Amino acid sequence: MLTAPAYRTATAADTPAIVALVESAYRGESGQRGWTTETHLLDGQRTDAENVLELIGRDGSLVLLAEEEGELLACCHIERQGGAGYFGMFAVNPDKQMGGLGRALLTEAERVARDTWQVPSMRMTVIEQRADLIAWYERRGYRLTGDTVPFPYGNERFGVPRRDDLRFVYLTKALGGETA
């Protein structure tokens, strides 16, 4: 059973731990222990210290951490973008996946966006080929919008694609009963 993690906003000092967590969840051998790996789609890095520091320092943006006894278990990035919240860089320690931690962090991120920024909806992008992940978000109330955006081929900051048909799909969810 999941014990309630402690949530807090990341600071610049958290950057190395955040980068290590995100890389472990999405890339390499450790990511293959969890179900969120993208190694079948992408090689290379998922994020770096420069990117994380930029997200932490940007106005209307924060990196939310879930910890237990000082150990970083999960993180996500949320940002106010126009009239909506944006959710991304979601990572859960591969050894802690499938226990409700990701669901709990997503719920906390939605609460922060709704209560702090007073936004009526949260949106995100997911690689279209991640059908299991899209289904997981749909079970939490997110809906595909029909909008897509091309994968940034040639920009290794997003990883090195292993196939040539990648693109992102948008999902959205109303927060607090309002329509998205």
C-alpha atoms as a PDB file:
ATOM      1  CA  MET A   1       0.000   0.000   0.000  1.00  0.00           C
ATOM      2  CA  LEU A   2       1.215   3.474  -0.858  1.00  0.00           C
ATOM      3  CA  THR A   3       2.157   5.677   2.059  1.00  0.00           C
ATOM      4  CA  ALA A   4       1.539   9.338   1.385  1.00  0.00           C
ATOM      5  CA  PRO A   5       4.696  10.938   0.006  1.00  0.00           C
ATOM      6  CA  ALA A   6       5.736  14.451   0.909  1.00  0.00           C
ATOM      7  CA  TYR A   7       5.406  16.927  -1.959  1.00  0.00           C
ATOM      8  CA  ARG A   8       7.523  19.997  -2.502  1.00  0.00           C
ATOM      9  CA  THR A   9       8.693  22.326  -5.238  1.00  0.00           C
ATOM     10  CA  ALA A  10      12.177  21.633  -6.556  1.00  0.00           C
ATOM     11  CA  THR A  11      15.070  24.044  -6.172  1.00  0.00           C
ATOM     12  CA  ALA A  12      18.237  24.309  -8.244  1.00  0.00           C
ATOM     13  CA  ALA A  13      19.995  22.057  -5.700  1.00  0.00           C
ATOM     14  CA  ASP A  14      17.635  19.211  -6.663  1.00  0.00           C
ATOM     15  CA  THR A  15      18.702  19.264 -10.314  1.00  0.00           C
ATOM     16  CA  PRO A  16      21.187  16.334 -10.278  1.00  0.00           C
ATOM     17  CA  ALA A  17      18.680  14.049  -8.525  1.00  0.00           C
ATOM     18  CA  ILE A  18      15.889  15.052 -10.916  1.00  0.00           C
ATOM     19  CA  VAL A  19      18.036  14.377 -13.988  1.00  0.00           C
ATOM     20  CA  ALA A  20      19.066  10.990 -12.598  1.00  0.00           C
ATOM     21  CA  LEU A  21      15.442  10.056 -11.819  1.00  0.00           C
ATOM     22  CA  VAL A  22      14.128  11.083 -15.240  1.00  0.00           C
ATOM     23  CA  GLU A  23      16.914   9.265 -17.064  1.00  0.00           C
ATOM     24  CA  SER A  24      16.364   6.125 -14.958  1.00  0.00           C
ATOM     25  CA  ALA A  25      12.642   6.082 -15.729  1.00  0.00           C
ATOM     26  CA  TYR A  26      12.889   6.634 -19.478  1.00  0.00           C
ATOM     27  CA  ARG A  27      16.254   5.449 -20.746  1.00  0.00           C
ATOM     28  CA  GLY A  28      18.780   2.679 -20.287  1.00  0.00           C
ATOM     29  CA  GLU A  29      18.539  -0.605 -18.437  1.00  0.00           C
ATOM     30  CA  SER A  30      16.965   0.814 -15.275  1.00  0.00           C
ATOM     31  CA  GLY A  31      14.055   2.214 -17.283  1.00  0.00           C
ATOM     32  CA  GLN A  32      13.306  -1.244 -18.622  1.00  0.00           C
ATOM     33  CA  ARG A  33      12.405  -2.353 -15.071  1.00  0.00           C
ATOM     34  CA  GLY A  34       9.418  -0.004 -15.165  1.00  0.00           C
ATOM     35  CA  TRP A  35       6.669   0.332 -17.727  1.00  0.00           C
ATOM     36  CA  THR A  36       7.387   3.978 -18.648  1.00  0.00           C
ATOM     37  CA  THR A  37      10.555   3.267 -20.622  1.00  0.00           C
ATOM     38  CA  GLU A  38      10.945   4.805 -24.058  1.00  0.00           C
ATOM     39  CA  THR A  39      14.004   2.744 -24.990  1.00  0.00           C
ATOM     40  CA  HIS A  40      12.079   1.004 -27.776  1.00  0.00           C
ATOM     41  CA  LEU A  41      11.420   4.423 -29.339  1.00  0.00           C
ATOM     42  CA  LEU A  42      14.370   6.629 -28.373  1.00  0.00           C
ATOM     43  CA  ASP A  43      18.032   6.479 -27.476  1.00  0.00           C
ATOM     44  CA  GLY A  44      20.074   9.279 -25.962  1.00  0.00           C
ATOM     45  CA  GLN A  45      19.134  11.555 -23.106  1.00  0.00           C
ATOM     46  CA  ARG A  46      15.651  12.428 -21.892  1.00  0.00           C
ATOM     47  CA  THR A  47      16.705  15.626 -20.111  1.00  0.00           C
ATOM     48  CA  ASP A  48      19.776  17.388 -18.764  1.00  0.00           C
ATOM     49  CA  ALA A  49      20.715  19.786 -15.987  1.00  0.00           C
ATOM     50  CA  GLU A  50      20.372  22.857 -18.214  1.00  0.00           C
ATOM     51  CA  ASN A  51      16.792  21.925 -19.159  1.00  0.00           C
ATOM     52  CA  VAL A  52      15.771  21.139 -15.572  1.00  0.00           C
ATOM     53  CA  LEU A  53      17.263  24.389 -14.262  1.00  0.00           C
ATOM     54  CA  GLU A  54      15.399  26.318 -16.948  1.00  0.00           C
ATOM     55  CA  LEU A  55      12.082  24.704 -15.936  1.00  0.00           C
ATOM     56  CA  ILE A  56      12.726  25.421 -12.246  1.00  0.00           C
ATOM     57  CA  GLY A  57      13.580  29.070 -12.935  1.00  0.00           C
ATOM     58  CA  ARG A  58      10.876  29.925 -15.481  1.00  0.00           C
ATOM     59  CA  ASP A  59       7.965  32.117 -14.330  1.00  0.00           C
ATOM     60  CA  GLY A  60       4.717  30.180 -14.015  1.00  0.00           C
ATOM     61  CA  SER A  61       6.601  26.884 -13.982  1.00  0.00           C
ATOM     62  CA  LEU A  62       7.637  24.443 -11.293  1.00  0.00           C
ATOM     63  CA  VAL A  63       9.017  20.966 -10.864  1.00  0.00           C
ATOM     64  CA  LEU A  64       7.031  19.075  -8.261  1.00  0.00           C
ATOM     65  CA  LEU A  65       8.798  16.370  -6.245  1.00  0.00           C
ATOM     66  CA  ALA A  66       7.392  13.392  -4.339  1.00  0.00           C
ATOM     67  CA  GLU A  67       9.699  12.202  -1.559  1.00  0.00           C
ATOM     68  CA  GLU A  68       9.705   9.744   1.281  1.00  0.00           C
ATOM     69  CA  GLU A  69      12.198  10.181   4.113  1.00  0.00           C
ATOM     70  CA  GLY A  70      14.298  12.469   1.910  1.00  0.00           C
ATOM     71  CA  GLU A  71      14.429  10.026  -1.027  1.00  0.00           C
ATOM     72  CA  LEU A  72      13.238  11.381  -4.380  1.00  0.00           C
ATOM     73  CA  LEU A  73      10.615   8.939  -5.664  1.00  0.00           C
ATOM     74  CA  ALA A  74       8.907  10.853  -8.468  1.00  0.00           C
ATOM     75  CA  CYS A  75       8.767  14.219 -10.190  1.00  0.00           C
ATOM     76  CA  CYS A  76       6.830  16.168 -12.775  1.00  0.00           C
ATOM     77  CA  HIS A  77       6.920  19.555 -14.403  1.00  0.00           C
ATOM     78  CA  ILE A  78       3.825  21.741 -14.413  1.00  0.00           C
ATOM     79  CA  GLU A  79       3.463  25.112 -16.035  1.00  0.00           C
ATOM     80  CA  ARG A  80       0.803  27.707 -16.624  1.00  0.00           C
ATOM     81  CA  GLN A  81       0.448  28.106 -20.372  1.00  0.00           C
ATOM     82  CA  GLY A  82      -2.209  30.636 -21.275  1.00  0.00           C
ATOM     83  CA  GLY A  83      -5.485  29.515 -19.754  1.00  0.00           C
ATOM     84  CA  ALA A  84      -4.410  25.948 -18.975  1.00  0.00           C
ATOM     85  CA  GLY A  85      -1.905  23.993 -16.993  1.00  0.00           C
ATOM     86  CA  TYR A  86       0.704  21.902 -18.813  1.00  0.00           C
ATOM     87  CA  PHE A  87       1.983  18.608 -17.373  1.00  0.00           C
ATOM     88  CA  GLY A  88       5.258  16.989 -18.419  1.00  0.00           C
ATOM     89  CA  MET A  89       8.597  15.451 -17.438  1.00  0.00           C
ATOM     90  CA  PHE A  90       6.696  12.896 -15.357  1.00  0.00           C
ATOM     91  CA  ALA A  91       9.002  10.274 -13.864  1.00  0.00           C
ATOM     92  CA  VAL A  92       8.612   7.647 -11.164  1.00  0.00           C
ATOM     93  CA  ASN A  93      11.511   5.566  -9.880  1.00  0.00           C
ATOM     94  CA  PRO A  94      11.224   2.285 -11.861  1.00  0.00           C
ATOM     95  CA  ASP A  95      11.403   0.269  -8.628  1.00  0.00           C
ATOM     96  CA  LYS A  96       8.429   2.226  -7.211  1.00  0.00           C
ATOM     97  CA  GLN A  97       6.124   2.014 -10.245  1.00  0.00           C
ATOM     98  CA  MET A  98       2.785   0.195 -10.192  1.00  0.00           C
ATOM     99  CA  GLY A  99       2.058   1.141  -6.577  1.00  0.00           C
ATOM    100  CA  GLY A 100      -0.069   4.267  -6.989  1.00  0.00           C
ATOM    101  CA  LEU A 101       2.722   6.820  -6.615  1.00  0.00           C
ATOM    102  CA  GLY A 102       2.364   8.150 -10.168  1.00  0.00           C
ATOM    103  CA  ARG A 103      -1.391   8.493  -9.793  1.00  0.00           C
ATOM    104  CA  ALA A 104      -0.917  10.350  -6.498  1.00  0.00           C
ATOM    105  CA  LEU A 105       1.639  12.760  -8.002  1.00  0.00           C
ATOM    106  CA  LEU A 106      -0.569  13.431 -11.040  1.00  0.00           C
ATOM    107  CA  THR A 107      -3.472  14.232  -8.691  1.00  0.00           C
ATOM    108  CA  GLU A 108      -1.257  16.595  -6.673  1.00  0.00           C
ATOM    109  CA  ALA A 109      -0.044  18.316  -9.863  1.00  0.00           C
ATOM    110  CA  GLU A 110      -3.648  18.826 -10.968  1.00  0.00           C
ATOM    111  CA  ARG A 111      -4.523  20.261  -7.546  1.00  0.00           C
ATOM    112  CA  VAL A 112      -1.584  22.674  -7.634  1.00  0.00           C
ATOM    113  CA  ALA A 113      -2.466  23.858 -11.144  1.00  0.00           C
ATOM    114  CA  ARG A 114      -6.145  24.312 -10.267  1.00  0.00           C
ATOM    115  CA  ASP A 115      -5.648  25.925  -6.853  1.00  0.00           C
ATOM    116  CA  THR A 116      -2.503  27.992  -7.494  1.00  0.00           C
ATOM    117  CA  TRP A 117      -3.045  29.120 -11.070  1.00  0.00           C
ATOM    118  CA  GLN A 118      -6.841  28.839 -11.138  1.00  0.00           C
ATOM    119  CA  VAL A 119      -6.716  27.078 -14.515  1.00  0.00           C
ATOM    120  CA  PRO A 120      -9.754  25.080 -15.646  1.00  0.00           C
ATOM    121  CA  SER A 121      -7.807  22.327 -17.410  1.00  0.00           C
ATOM    122  CA  MET A 122      -4.526  20.448 -17.668  1.00  0.00           C
ATOM    123  CA  ARG A 123      -2.999  19.406 -20.968  1.00  0.00           C
ATOM    124  CA  MET A 124      -0.005  17.368 -22.020  1.00  0.00           C
ATOM    125  CA  THR A 125       1.713  15.777 -24.978  1.00  0.00           C
ATOM    126  CA  VAL A 126       2.558  12.076 -25.211  1.00  0.00           C
ATOM    127  CA  ILE A 127       4.360  10.211 -27.974  1.00  0.00           C
ATOM    128  CA  GLU A 128       1.577   8.696 -30.065  1.00  0.00           C
ATOM    129  CA  GLN A 129       3.182   5.239 -30.067  1.00  0.00           C
ATOM    130  CA  ARG A 130       2.914   5.075 -26.241  1.00  0.00           C
ATOM    131  CA  ALA A 131      -0.560   3.468 -26.339  1.00  0.00           C
ATOM    132  CA  ASP A 132      -0.305   1.992 -22.811  1.00  0.00           C
ATOM    133  CA  LEU A 133       0.640   5.364 -21.356  1.00  0.00           C
ATOM    134  CA  ILE A 134      -2.139   7.170 -23.243  1.00  0.00           C
ATOM    135  CA  ALA A 135      -4.616   4.580 -21.925  1.00  0.00           C
ATOM    136  CA  TRP A 136      -3.305   5.154 -18.377  1.00  0.00           C
ATOM    137  CA  TYR A 137      -3.978   8.903 -18.709  1.00  0.00           C
ATOM    138  CA  GLU A 138      -7.410   8.226 -20.209  1.00  0.00           C
ATOM    139  CA  ARG A 139      -8.309   6.138 -17.149  1.00  0.00           C
ATOM    140  CA  ARG A 140      -7.499   9.258 -15.105  1.00  0.00           C
ATOM    141  CA  GLY A 141      -9.897  11.444 -17.071  1.00  0.00           C
ATOM    142  CA  TYR A 142      -7.667  12.739 -19.862  1.00  0.00           C
ATOM    143  CA  ARG A 143      -9.012  12.758 -23.411  1.00  0.00           C
ATOM    144  CA  LEU A 144      -7.235  12.906 -26.746  1.00  0.00           C
ATOM    145  CA  THR A 145      -7.889  16.236 -28.437  1.00  0.00           C
ATOM    146  CA  GLY A 146      -7.129  15.130 -31.996  1.00  0.00           C
ATOM    147  CA  ASP A 147      -4.286  17.662 -32.185  1.00  0.00           C
ATOM    148  CA  THR A 148      -0.763  16.468 -32.903  1.00  0.00           C
ATOM    149  CA  VAL A 149       2.681  18.006 -33.159  1.00  0.00           C
ATOM    150  CA  PRO A 150       5.665  16.538 -35.006  1.00  0.00           C
ATOM    151  CA  PHE A 151       8.495  14.957 -33.067  1.00  0.00           C
ATOM    152  CA  PRO A 152      11.530  17.312 -33.115  1.00  0.00           C
ATOM    153  CA  TYR A 153      13.767  15.142 -35.293  1.00  0.00           C
ATOM    154  CA  GLY A 154      17.327  16.432 -35.364  1.00  0.00           C
ATOM    155  CA  ASN A 155      17.155  17.902 -31.844  1.00  0.00           C
ATOM    156  CA  GLU A 156      18.953  15.373 -29.648  1.00  0.00           C
ATOM    157  CA  ARG A 157      17.777  17.197 -26.512  1.00  0.00           C
ATOM    158  CA  PHE A 158      14.582  15.141 -26.956  1.00  0.00           C
ATOM    159  CA  GLY A 159      16.438  11.895 -27.631  1.00  0.00           C
ATOM    160  CA  VAL A 160      17.644  10.050 -30.697  1.00  0.00           C
ATOM    161  CA  PRO A 161      14.666   8.451 -32.468  1.00  0.00           C
ATOM    162  CA  ARG A 162      14.809   4.769 -33.298  1.00  0.00           C
ATOM    163  CA  ARG A 163      12.015   5.134 -35.867  1.00  0.00           C
ATOM    164  CA  ASP A 164      10.818   7.764 -38.314  1.00  0.00           C
ATOM    165  CA  ASP A 165       7.086   7.946 -37.528  1.00  0.00           C
ATOM    166  CA  LEU A 166       7.067   9.547 -34.065  1.00  0.00           C
ATOM    167  CA  ARG A 167       4.766  12.418 -33.204  1.00  0.00           C
ATOM    168  CA  PHE A 168       3.108  13.817 -30.105  1.00  0.00           C
ATOM    169  CA  VAL A 169      -0.616  13.761 -29.375  1.00  0.00           C
ATOM    170  CA  TYR A 170      -2.338  16.201 -27.037  1.00  0.00           C
ATOM    171  CA  LEU A 171      -4.469  15.107 -24.116  1.00  0.00           C
ATOM    172  CA  THR A 172      -6.547  17.363 -21.891  1.00  0.00           C
ATOM    173  CA  LYS A 173      -8.590  17.086 -18.708  1.00  0.00           C
ATOM    174  CA  ALA A 174     -11.007  19.482 -17.067  1.00  0.00           C
ATOM    175  CA  LEU A 175      -9.973  20.353 -13.505  1.00  0.00           C
ATOM    176  CA  GLY A 176     -12.643  21.060 -10.930  1.00  0.00           C
ATOM    177  CA  GLY A 177     -15.646  20.195 -13.062  1.00  0.00           C
ATOM    178  CA  GLU A 178     -15.210  22.890 -15.728  1.00  0.00           C
ATOM    179  CA  THR A 179     -14.987  21.927 -19.383  1.00  0.00           C
ATOM    180  CA  ALA A 180     -11.635  21.838 -21.066  1.00  0.00           C
END
